[in-house]
C-alpha atoms as a PDB file:
ATOM      1  CA  MET A   1       1.610  -1.663 -15.234  1.00  0.00           C
ATOM      2  CA  ASP A   2      -0.952  -0.544 -12.651  1.00  0.00           C
ATOM      3  CA  THR A   3      -3.326  -3.047 -14.262  1.00  0.00           C
ATOM      4  CA  LEU A   4      -1.346  -5.750 -12.446  1.00  0.00           C
ATOM      5  CA  LEU A   5      -3.257  -4.734  -9.321  1.00  0.00           C
ATOM      6  CA  SER A   6      -6.381  -6.288 -10.811  1.00  0.00           C
ATOM      7  CA  TYR A   7      -4.735  -9.714 -11.083  1.00  0.00           C
ATOM      8  CA  PRO A   8      -4.299 -12.129  -8.168  1.00  0.00           C
ATOM      9  CA  LEU A   9      -0.737 -12.493  -6.972  1.00  0.00           C
ATOM     10  CA  ILE A  10      -0.727 -16.212  -7.662  1.00  0.00           C
ATOM     11  CA  VAL A  11      -1.518 -15.512 -11.341  1.00  0.00           C
ATOM     12  CA  ILE A  12       1.360 -13.028 -11.536  1.00  0.00           C
ATOM     13  CA  PHE A  13       3.669 -15.548  -9.850  1.00  0.00           C
ATOM     14  CA  LEU A  14       2.798 -18.337 -12.270  1.00  0.00           C
ATOM     15  CA  ALA A  15       3.111 -16.014 -15.257  1.00  0.00           C
ATOM     16  CA  SER A  16       6.542 -14.891 -14.035  1.00  0.00           C
ATOM     17  CA  ILE A  17       7.731 -18.494 -13.685  1.00  0.00           C
ATOM     18  CA  ALA A  18       6.402 -19.335 -17.161  1.00  0.00           C
ATOM     19  CA  ALA A  19       8.214 -16.359 -18.715  1.00  0.00           C
ATOM     20  CA  LEU A  20      11.503 -17.147 -16.957  1.00  0.00           C
ATOM     21  CA  VAL A  21      11.336 -20.858 -17.824  1.00  0.00           C
ATOM     22  CA  ALA A  22      10.596 -20.000 -21.449  1.00  0.00           C
ATOM     23  CA  ALA A  23      13.572 -17.625 -21.503  1.00  0.00           C
ATOM     24  CA  SER A  24      15.847 -20.312 -20.030  1.00  0.00           C
ATOM     25  CA  GLU A  25      14.746 -22.921 -22.576  1.00  0.00           C
ATOM     26  CA  MET A  26      15.275 -20.516 -25.453  1.00  0.00           C
ATOM     27  CA  GLY A  27      18.634 -19.399 -24.115  1.00  0.00           C
ATOM     28  CA  HIS A  28      19.871 -22.956 -23.701  1.00  0.00           C
ATOM     29  CA  ARG A  29      18.870 -23.930 -27.229  1.00  0.00           C
ATOM     30  CA  LEU A  30      20.635 -20.876 -28.640  1.00  0.00           C
ATOM     31  CA  GLY A  31      23.735 -21.836 -26.653  1.00  0.00           C
ATOM     32  CA  LEU A  32      23.693 -25.369 -28.033  1.00  0.00           C
ATOM     33  CA  ARG A  33      23.466 -24.061 -31.594  1.00  0.00           C
ATOM     34  CA  ALA A  34      26.264 -21.514 -31.176  1.00  0.00           C
ATOM     35  CA  ALA A  35      29.483 -22.410 -32.983  1.00  0.00           C
ATOM     36  CA  GLY A  36      32.416 -23.332 -30.764  1.00  0.00           C
ATOM     37  CA  GLU A  37      32.745 -22.700 -27.068  1.00  0.00           C
ATOM     38  CA  ALA A  38      33.296 -19.452 -25.239  1.00  0.00           C
ATOM     39  CA  ASN A  39      34.187 -18.552 -21.713  1.00  0.00           C
ATOM     40  CA  VAL A  40      31.205 -16.472 -20.650  1.00  0.00           C
ATOM     41  CA  SER A  41      31.414 -17.075 -16.901  1.00  0.00           C
ATOM     42  CA  THR A  42      32.477 -13.488 -16.154  1.00  0.00           C
ATOM     43  CA  LEU A  43      29.726 -12.017 -18.293  1.00  0.00           C
ATOM     44  CA  GLU A  44      27.183 -14.386 -16.786  1.00  0.00           C
ATOM     45  CA  ALA A  45      28.186 -13.328 -13.280  1.00  0.00           C
ATOM     46  CA  SER A  46      27.909  -9.662 -14.303  1.00  0.00           C
ATOM     47  CA  VAL A  47      24.370 -10.079 -15.656  1.00  0.00           C
ATOM     48  CA  LEU A  48      23.231 -12.005 -12.583  1.00  0.00           C
ATOM     49  CA  GLY A  49      24.874  -9.357 -10.401  1.00  0.00           C
ATOM     50  CA  LEU A  50      22.905  -6.671 -12.236  1.00  0.00           C
ATOM     51  CA  LEU A  51      19.739  -8.659 -11.595  1.00  0.00           C
ATOM     52  CA  ALA A  52      20.560  -8.909  -7.884  1.00  0.00           C
ATOM     53  CA  LEU A  53      21.195  -5.151  -7.749  1.00  0.00           C
ATOM     54  CA  MET A  54      17.899  -4.440  -9.501  1.00  0.00           C
ATOM     55  CA  LEU A  55      15.985  -6.746  -7.175  1.00  0.00           C
ATOM     56  CA  SER A  56      17.452  -5.121  -4.068  1.00  0.00           C
ATOM     57  CA  PHE A  57      16.827  -1.622  -5.441  1.00  0.00           C
ATOM     58  CA  THR A  58      13.179  -2.372  -6.275  1.00  0.00           C
ATOM     59  CA  PHE A  59      12.616  -4.167  -2.976  1.00  0.00           C
ATOM     60  CA  ALA A  60      13.903  -1.105  -1.111  1.00  0.00           C
ATOM     61  CA  MET A  61      11.520   1.136  -3.066  1.00  0.00           C
ATOM     62  CA  ALA A  62       8.538  -1.085  -2.265  1.00  0.00           C
ATOM     63  CA  LEU A  63       9.490  -1.339   1.410  1.00  0.00           C
ATOM     64  CA  THR A  64       9.814   2.455   1.685  1.00  0.00           C
ATOM     65  CA  ARG A  65       6.301   2.865   0.328  1.00  0.00           C
ATOM     66  CA  PHE A  66       5.001   0.180   2.683  1.00  0.00           C
ATOM     67  CA  ASP A  67       6.458   2.071   5.653  1.00  0.00           C
ATOM     68  CA  ALA A  68       4.937   5.318   4.357  1.00  0.00           C
ATOM     69  CA  ARG A  69       1.465   3.730   4.213  1.00  0.00           C
ATOM     70  CA  ARG A  70       1.856   2.335   7.729  1.00  0.00           C
ATOM     71  CA  ASP A  71       3.005   5.690   9.140  1.00  0.00           C
ATOM     72  CA  ALA A  72       0.202   7.535   7.317  1.00  0.00           C
ATOM     73  CA  LEU A  73      -2.396   5.150   8.759  1.00  0.00           C
ATOM     74  CA  LEU A  74      -1.069   5.603  12.282  1.00  0.00           C
ATOM     75  CA  SER A  75      -0.974   9.398  11.929  1.00  0.00           C
ATOM     76  CA  GLU A  76      -4.523   9.535  10.603  1.00  0.00           C
ATOM     77  CA  ALA A  77      -5.846   7.213  13.323  1.00  0.00           C
ATOM     78  CA  ASN A  78      -4.204   9.346  16.019  1.00  0.00           C
ATOM     79  CA  ALA A  79      -5.529  12.566  14.484  1.00  0.00           C
ATOM     80  CA  ILE A  80      -9.080  11.211  14.252  1.00  0.00           C
ATOM     81  CA  GLY A  81      -8.944   9.930  17.821  1.00  0.00           C
ATOM     82  CA  THR A  82      -7.683  13.266  19.168  1.00  0.00           C
ATOM     83  CA  ALA A  83     -10.288  15.271  17.251  1.00  0.00           C
ATOM     84  CA  ALA A  84     -13.111  12.961  18.364  1.00  0.00           C
ATOM     85  CA  LEU A  85     -11.985  13.216  21.989  1.00  0.00           C
ATOM     86  CA  ARG A  86     -11.938  17.021  21.800  1.00  0.00           C
ATOM     87  CA  ALA A  87     -15.319  17.044  20.060  1.00  0.00           C
ATOM     88  CA  GLY A  88     -16.831  16.098  23.398  1.00  0.00           C
ATOM     89  CA  LEU A  89     -15.828  19.539  24.713  1.00  0.00           C
ATOM     90  CA  LEU A  90     -18.060  21.343  22.216  1.00  0.00           C
ATOM     91  CA  PRO A  91     -21.305  22.900  23.387  1.00  0.00           C
ATOM     92  CA  ALA A  92     -24.563  21.040  22.822  1.00  0.00           C
ATOM     93  CA  PRO A  93     -25.827  19.899  20.409  1.00  0.00           C
ATOM     94  CA  HIS A  94     -22.610  20.131  18.378  1.00  0.00           C
ATOM     95  CA  ALA A  95     -20.691  17.680  20.541  1.00  0.00           C
ATOM     96  CA  ALA A  96     -23.165  14.831  20.015  1.00  0.00           C
ATOM     97  CA  GLU A  97     -23.522  15.547  16.297  1.00  0.00           C
ATOM     98  CA  SER A  98     -19.758  15.720  15.787  1.00  0.00           C
ATOM     99  CA  LEU A  99     -19.150  12.454  17.613  1.00  0.00           C
ATOM    100  CA  LYS A 100     -21.704  10.691  15.416  1.00  0.00           C
ATOM    101  CA  LEU A 101     -20.027  12.128  12.336  1.00  0.00           C
ATOM    102  CA  PHE A 102     -16.638  10.910  13.530  1.00  0.00           C
ATOM    103  CA  HIS A 103     -18.120   7.468  14.072  1.00  0.00           C
ATOM    104  CA  ASP A 104     -19.323   7.403  10.451  1.00  0.00           C
ATOM    105  CA  TYR A 105     -16.054   8.888   9.234  1.00  0.00           C
ATOM    106  CA  VAL A 106     -13.814   6.241  10.766  1.00  0.00           C
ATOM    107  CA  GLN A 107     -16.080   3.490   9.433  1.00  0.00           C
ATOM    108  CA  VAL A 108     -15.637   4.865   5.914  1.00  0.00           C
ATOM    109  CA  ARG A 109     -11.868   4.954   6.403  1.00  0.00           C
ATOM    110  CA  LEU A 110     -11.916   1.318   7.540  1.00  0.00           C
ATOM    111  CA  ALA A 111     -14.175   0.141   4.720  1.00  0.00           C
ATOM    112  CA  ILE A 112     -11.765   1.118   1.942  1.00  0.00           C
ATOM    113  CA  ALA A 113      -8.957  -0.834   3.617  1.00  0.00           C
ATOM    114  CA  LYS A 114     -10.758  -4.169   4.003  1.00  0.00           C
ATOM    115  CA  ARG A 115     -10.332  -5.145   0.354  1.00  0.00           C
ATOM    116  CA  MET A 116      -9.072  -3.690  -2.893  1.00  0.00           C
ATOM    117  CA  PRO A 117     -11.910  -1.370  -4.004  1.00  0.00           C
ATOM    118  CA  THR A 118     -12.776  -0.663  -7.594  1.00  0.00           C
ATOM    119  CA  PRO A 119     -11.967   2.867  -8.817  1.00  0.00           C
ATOM    120  CA  ALA A 120     -15.664   3.750  -8.558  1.00  0.00           C
ATOM    121  CA  GLU A 121     -15.904   2.417  -4.994  1.00  0.00           C
ATOM    122  CA  PHE A 122     -12.727   4.212  -3.991  1.00  0.00           C
ATOM    123  CA  ASP A 123     -13.948   7.526  -5.425  1.00  0.00           C
ATOM    124  CA  ALA A 124     -17.318   7.086  -3.718  1.00  0.00           C
ATOM    125  CA  ALA A 125     -15.632   6.437  -0.356  1.00  0.00           C
ATOM    126  CA  ILE A 126     -13.448   9.528  -0.699  1.00  0.00           C
ATOM    127  CA  ALA A 127     -16.476  11.602  -1.700  1.00  0.00           C
ATOM    128  CA  ARG A 128     -18.326  10.367   1.392  1.00  0.00           C
ATOM    129  CA  SER A 129     -15.309  11.216   3.566  1.00  0.00           C
ATOM    130  CA  ASN A 130     -15.248  14.718   2.121  1.00  0.00           C
ATOM    131  CA  GLU A 131     -18.969  15.138   2.803  1.00  0.00           C
ATOM    132  CA  ILE A 132     -18.475  14.172   6.443  1.00  0.00           C
ATOM    133  CA  GLN A 133     -15.530  16.547   6.682  1.00  0.00           C
ATOM    134  CA  MET A 134     -17.667  19.420   5.419  1.00  0.00           C
ATOM    135  CA  GLU A 135     -20.375  18.601   7.952  1.00  0.00           C
ATOM    136  CA  LEU A 136     -17.786  18.408  10.755  1.00  0.00           C
ATOM    137  CA  TRP A 137     -16.508  21.814   9.712  1.00  0.00           C
ATOM    138  CA  ARG A 138     -20.051  23.244   9.762  1.00  0.00           C
ATOM    139  CA  GLN A 139     -20.521  21.940  13.276  1.00  0.00           C
ATOM    140  CA  ALA A 140     -17.206  23.508  14.334  1.00  0.00           C
ATOM    141  CA  LYS A 141     -18.157  26.870  12.805  1.00  0.00           C
ATOM    142  CA  ALA A 142     -21.505  26.780  14.558  1.00  0.00           C
ATOM    143  CA  ALA A 143     -19.812  25.999  17.877  1.00  0.00           C
ATOM    144  CA  MET A 144     -17.303  28.793  17.354  1.00  0.00           C
ATOM    145  CA  GLY A 145     -20.143  31.191  16.569  1.00  0.00           C
ATOM    146  CA  LYS A 146     -21.612  30.588  20.005  1.00  0.00           C
ATOM    147  CA  ASP A 147     -18.384  31.528  21.788  1.00  0.00           C
ATOM    148  CA  ASN A 148     -15.391  32.326  19.596  1.00  0.00           C
ATOM    149  CA  ALA A 149     -13.170  32.813  22.636  1.00  0.00           C
ATOM    150  CA  MET A 150     -13.774  29.359  24.033  1.00  0.00           C
ATOM    151  CA  ALA A 151     -10.444  27.532  24.257  1.00  0.00           C
ATOM    152  CA  PRO A 152     -11.812  23.993  23.823  1.00  0.00           C
ATOM    153  CA  THR A 153     -13.366  24.937  20.494  1.00  0.00           C
ATOM    154  CA  GLY A 154     -10.062  26.317  19.254  1.00  0.00           C
ATOM    155  CA  LEU A 155      -8.246  23.131  20.274  1.00  0.00           C
ATOM    156  CA  TYR A 156     -10.894  21.077  18.530  1.00  0.00           C
ATOM    157  CA  ILE A 157     -10.582  23.039  15.292  1.00  0.00           C
ATOM    158  CA  GLN A 158      -6.808  22.537  15.366  1.00  0.00           C
ATOM    159  CA  ALA A 159      -7.275  18.759  15.747  1.00  0.00           C
ATOM    160  CA  LEU A 160      -9.916  18.804  13.014  1.00  0.00           C
ATOM    161  CA  ASN A 161      -7.517  20.493  10.604  1.00  0.00           C
ATOM    162  CA  GLU A 162      -4.902  17.836  11.356  1.00  0.00           C
ATOM    163  CA  THR A 163      -7.492  15.137  10.644  1.00  0.00           C
ATOM    164  CA  PHE A 164      -8.254  16.656   7.248  1.00  0.00           C
ATOM    165  CA  ASP A 165      -4.557  17.009   6.421  1.00  0.00           C
ATOM    166  CA  ASN A 166      -3.815  13.416   7.396  1.00  0.00           C
ATOM    167  CA  GLN A 167      -6.464  12.113   5.029  1.00  0.00           C
ATOM    168  CA  GLU A 168      -4.566  13.605   2.097  1.00  0.00           C
ATOM    169  CA  LYS A 169      -1.271  12.257   3.419  1.00  0.00           C
ATOM    170  CA  ARG A 170      -2.735   8.776   3.650  1.00  0.00           C
ATOM    171  CA  LEU A 171      -4.283   9.004   0.188  1.00  0.00           C
ATOM    172  CA  THR A 172      -0.934  10.086  -1.238  1.00  0.00           C
ATOM    173  CA  ALA A 173       0.816   7.155   0.441  1.00  0.00           C
ATOM    174  CA  PHE A 174      -1.959   4.830  -0.758  1.00  0.00           C
ATOM    175  CA  ARG A 175      -1.558   5.911  -4.379  1.00  0.00           C
ATOM    176  CA  THR A 176       2.244   5.985  -4.428  1.00  0.00           C
ATOM    177  CA  ARG A 177       3.712   2.773  -5.783  1.00  0.00           C
ATOM    178  CA  VAL A 178       6.881   1.554  -7.440  1.00  0.00           C
ATOM    179  CA  PRO A 179       6.970   3.277 -10.851  1.00  0.00           C
ATOM    180  CA  SER A 180       5.803   1.147 -13.757  1.00  0.00           C
ATOM    181  CA  ILE A 181       9.053   1.674 -15.658  1.00  0.00           C
ATOM    182  CA  VAL A 182      10.999   0.166 -12.756  1.00  0.00           C
ATOM    183  CA  LEU A 183       8.856  -2.979 -12.703  1.00  0.00           C
ATOM    184  CA  MET A 184       9.131  -3.286 -16.481  1.00  0.00           C
ATOM    185  CA  ALA A 185      12.908  -2.989 -16.236  1.00  0.00           C
ATOM    186  CA  LEU A 186      12.964  -5.594 -13.461  1.00  0.00           C
ATOM    187  CA  TYR A 187      11.026  -8.084 -15.570  1.00  0.00           C
ATOM    188  CA  GLY A 188      13.217  -7.393 -18.586  1.00  0.00           C
ATOM    189  CA  ILE A 189      16.484  -7.816 -16.702  1.00  0.00           C
ATOM    190  CA  SER A 190      15.190 -10.996 -15.034  1.00  0.00           C
ATOM    191  CA  ILE A 191      14.276 -12.589 -18.369  1.00  0.00           C
ATOM    192  CA  VAL A 192      17.593 -11.599 -19.948  1.00  0.00           C
ATOM    193  CA  ALA A 193      19.627 -12.790 -16.944  1.00  0.00           C
ATOM    194  CA  ILE A 194      17.926 -16.193 -16.711  1.00  0.00           C
ATOM    195  CA  GLY A 195      18.078 -16.634 -20.467  1.00  0.00           C
ATOM    196  CA  PHE A 196      21.763 -15.730 -20.536  1.00  0.00           C
ATOM    197  CA  ALA A 197      22.545 -18.157 -17.711  1.00  0.00           C
ATOM    198  CA  ALA A 198      20.886 -20.933 -19.714  1.00  0.00           C
ATOM    199  CA  TYR A 199      22.703 -19.778 -22.856  1.00  0.00           C
ATOM    200  CA  ALA A 200      26.047 -20.084 -21.071  1.00  0.00           C
ATOM    201  CA  SER A 201      25.153 -23.592 -19.925  1.00  0.00           C
ATOM    202  CA  GLY A 202      24.385 -24.518 -23.530  1.00  0.00           C
ATOM    203  CA  LEU A 203      27.734 -23.194 -24.725  1.00  0.00           C
ATOM    204  CA  GLU A 204      29.618 -25.160 -22.100  1.00  0.00           C
ATOM    205  CA  ARG A 205      27.470 -28.302 -22.507  1.00  0.00           C
ATOM    206  CA  ARG A 206      26.861 -28.622 -18.774  1.00  0.00           C
ATOM    207  CA  ARG A 207      23.889 -29.827 -16.746  1.00  0.00           C
ATOM    208  CA  TRP A 208      21.685 -26.787 -16.330  1.00  0.00           C
ATOM    209  CA  ARG A 209      18.000 -27.283 -15.663  1.00  0.00           C
ATOM    210  CA  LEU A 210      18.077 -27.716 -11.880  1.00  0.00           C
ATOM    211  CA  PRO A 211      20.238 -24.661 -11.040  1.00  0.00           C
ATOM    212  CA  VAL A 212      18.619 -22.437 -13.680  1.00  0.00           C
ATOM    213  CA  TYR A 213      15.074 -23.452 -12.726  1.00  0.00           C
ATOM    214  CA  VAL A 214      15.784 -22.945  -9.028  1.00  0.00           C
ATOM    215  CA  THR A 215      17.207 -19.500  -9.800  1.00  0.00           C
ATOM    216  CA  ALA A 216      14.138 -18.680 -11.898  1.00  0.00           C
ATOM    217  CA  LEU A 217      11.859 -19.793  -9.051  1.00  0.00           C
ATOM    218  CA  LEU A 218      13.714 -17.636  -6.525  1.00  0.00           C
ATOM    219  CA  VAL A 219      13.672 -14.601  -8.822  1.00  0.00           C
ATOM    220  CA  ALA A 220       9.934 -15.036  -9.442  1.00  0.00           C
ATOM    221  CA  ALA A 221       9.351 -15.347  -5.681  1.00  0.00           C
ATOM    222  CA  VAL A 222      11.258 -12.143  -4.939  1.00  0.00           C
ATOM    223  CA  ILE A 223       9.384 -10.264  -7.671  1.00  0.00           C
ATOM    224  CA  LEU A 224       6.139 -11.568  -6.173  1.00  0.00           C
ATOM    225  CA  LEU A 225       7.202 -10.316  -2.739  1.00  0.00           C
ATOM    226  CA  ILE A 226       8.047  -6.889  -4.166  1.00  0.00           C
ATOM    227  CA  GLN A 227       4.645  -6.565  -5.805  1.00  0.00           C
ATOM    228  CA  ASP A 228       2.939  -7.889  -2.691  1.00  0.00           C
ATOM    229  CA  ILE A 229       4.598  -5.277  -0.469  1.00  0.00           C
ATOM    230  CA  ASP A 230       3.835  -2.599  -3.061  1.00  0.00           C
ATOM    231  CA  ARG A 231       0.115  -3.395  -3.025  1.00  0.00           C
ATOM    232  CA  PRO A 232      -1.750  -1.110  -0.602  1.00  0.00           C
ATOM    233  CA  ILE A 233      -4.556  -3.662  -0.131  1.00  0.00           C
ATOM    234  CA  GLY A 234      -5.175  -7.273  -0.984  1.00  0.00           C
ATOM    235  CA  GLY A 235      -1.708  -8.768  -0.644  1.00  0.00           C
ATOM    236  CA  PHE A 236      -0.257 -11.335   1.701  1.00  0.00           C
ATOM    237  CA  VAL A 237       1.823  -8.595   3.361  1.00  0.00           C
ATOM    238  CA  ALA A 238      -0.579  -5.841   4.376  1.00  0.00           C
ATOM    239  CA  VAL A 239      -0.481  -2.815   6.636  1.00  0.00           C
ATOM    240  CA  SER A 240      -2.258  -3.665   9.877  1.00  0.00           C
ATOM    241  CA  GLN A 241      -5.487  -1.700  10.296  1.00  0.00           C
ATOM    242  CA  GLN A 242      -5.402  -2.186  14.064  1.00  0.00           C
ATOM    243  CA  PRO A 243      -4.712   1.514  14.864  1.00  0.00           C
ATOM    244  CA  MET A 244      -7.845   2.537  12.943  1.00  0.00           C
ATOM    245  CA  ILE A 245      -9.836  -0.332  14.462  1.00  0.00           C
ATOM    246  CA  ASP A 246      -8.787   0.816  17.946  1.00  0.00           C
ATOM    247  CA  THR A 247      -9.778   4.384  17.072  1.00  0.00           C
ATOM    248  CA  ALA A 248     -13.194   3.226  15.829  1.00  0.00           C
ATOM    249  CA  SER A 249     -13.728   1.293  19.059  1.00  0.00           C
ATOM    250  CA  ALA A 250     -12.707   4.289  21.151  1.00  0.00           C
ATOM    251  CA  ILE A 251     -15.063   6.622  19.263  1.00  0.00           C
ATOM    252  CA  ALA A 252     -17.924   4.159  19.711  1.00  0.00           C
ATOM    253  CA  ASN A 253     -17.238   4.240  23.452  1.00  0.00           C
ATOM    254  CA  TYR A 254     -17.143   8.064  23.371  1.00  0.00           C
ATOM    255  CA  VAL A 255     -20.590   8.106  21.771  1.00  0.00           C
ATOM    256  CA  VAL A 256     -22.047   5.700  24.342  1.00  0.00           C
ATOM    257  CA  GLU A 257     -20.531   7.535  27.309  1.00  0.00           C
ATOM    258  CA  PHE A 258     -21.574  10.914  25.978  1.00  0.00           C
ATOM    259  CA  GLU A 259     -25.156   9.767  25.501  1.00  0.00           C
ATOM    260  CA  LYS A 260     -25.205   8.415  29.074  1.00  0.00           C
ATOM    261  CA  SER A 261     -23.852  11.649  30.519  1.00  0.00           C
ATOM    262  CA  ALA A 262     -26.066  13.927  28.448  1.00  0.00           C
ATOM    263  CA  PRO A 263     -28.843  15.590  30.486  1.00  0.00           C
ATOM    264  CA  ARG A 264     -32.304  14.124  30.002  1.00  0.00           C
ATOM    265  CA  ARG A 265     -34.970  16.417  28.607  1.00  0.00           C
END
């Protein structure tokens, strides 16, 4: 089911409508062919109620994951900003080198959030982030070696550790989505519910297309919204990258100000 991420949302929406309309047409024809009439209103209401419950349950799951991605982004942006600010307290030349590394690091973090990357691009971006982390750690070790009792260096290392930890938290939130089995169950229940509603209309020989089609359209729209919210990147509803953009701008200013204040040789 993760392969759905490679398809545009509009394609998924149209496919959902087609499947639900096909189910309604089939259900209605089966209802017309059924012998006699039956009172299925209670059962119809039960099936539609189950669909409503499933939609609300899945929507809540997707929204929880959306909030987790937003919180992880904010935490990582704050951690990077704090570590970059404290990097300016390191002795030369480690301060300047660390600030440049942070500038590259935040740009990598922003790049993977601009569009849905391919697996290869995503792995390459994470590998580059890890390389920068290792270089930041080497700079911190070198600064600590010059004066291991220096308080600013200790504060910087603490902020650096938090930056590294927050990358993994954000990656975990990025990769966590509504389980495939839940989405499969949602599609299955939707098709059965719409088909059964049309089947009941066929049994009772009542006008059916307008209400059933409208219901199918609404169900398809809600499923689209659930998958949109569940997408980490590339949907209509996306986590704002403004905290990371603000952090990148602040680090760029740190680099400029530090270069201006650095003593001329």
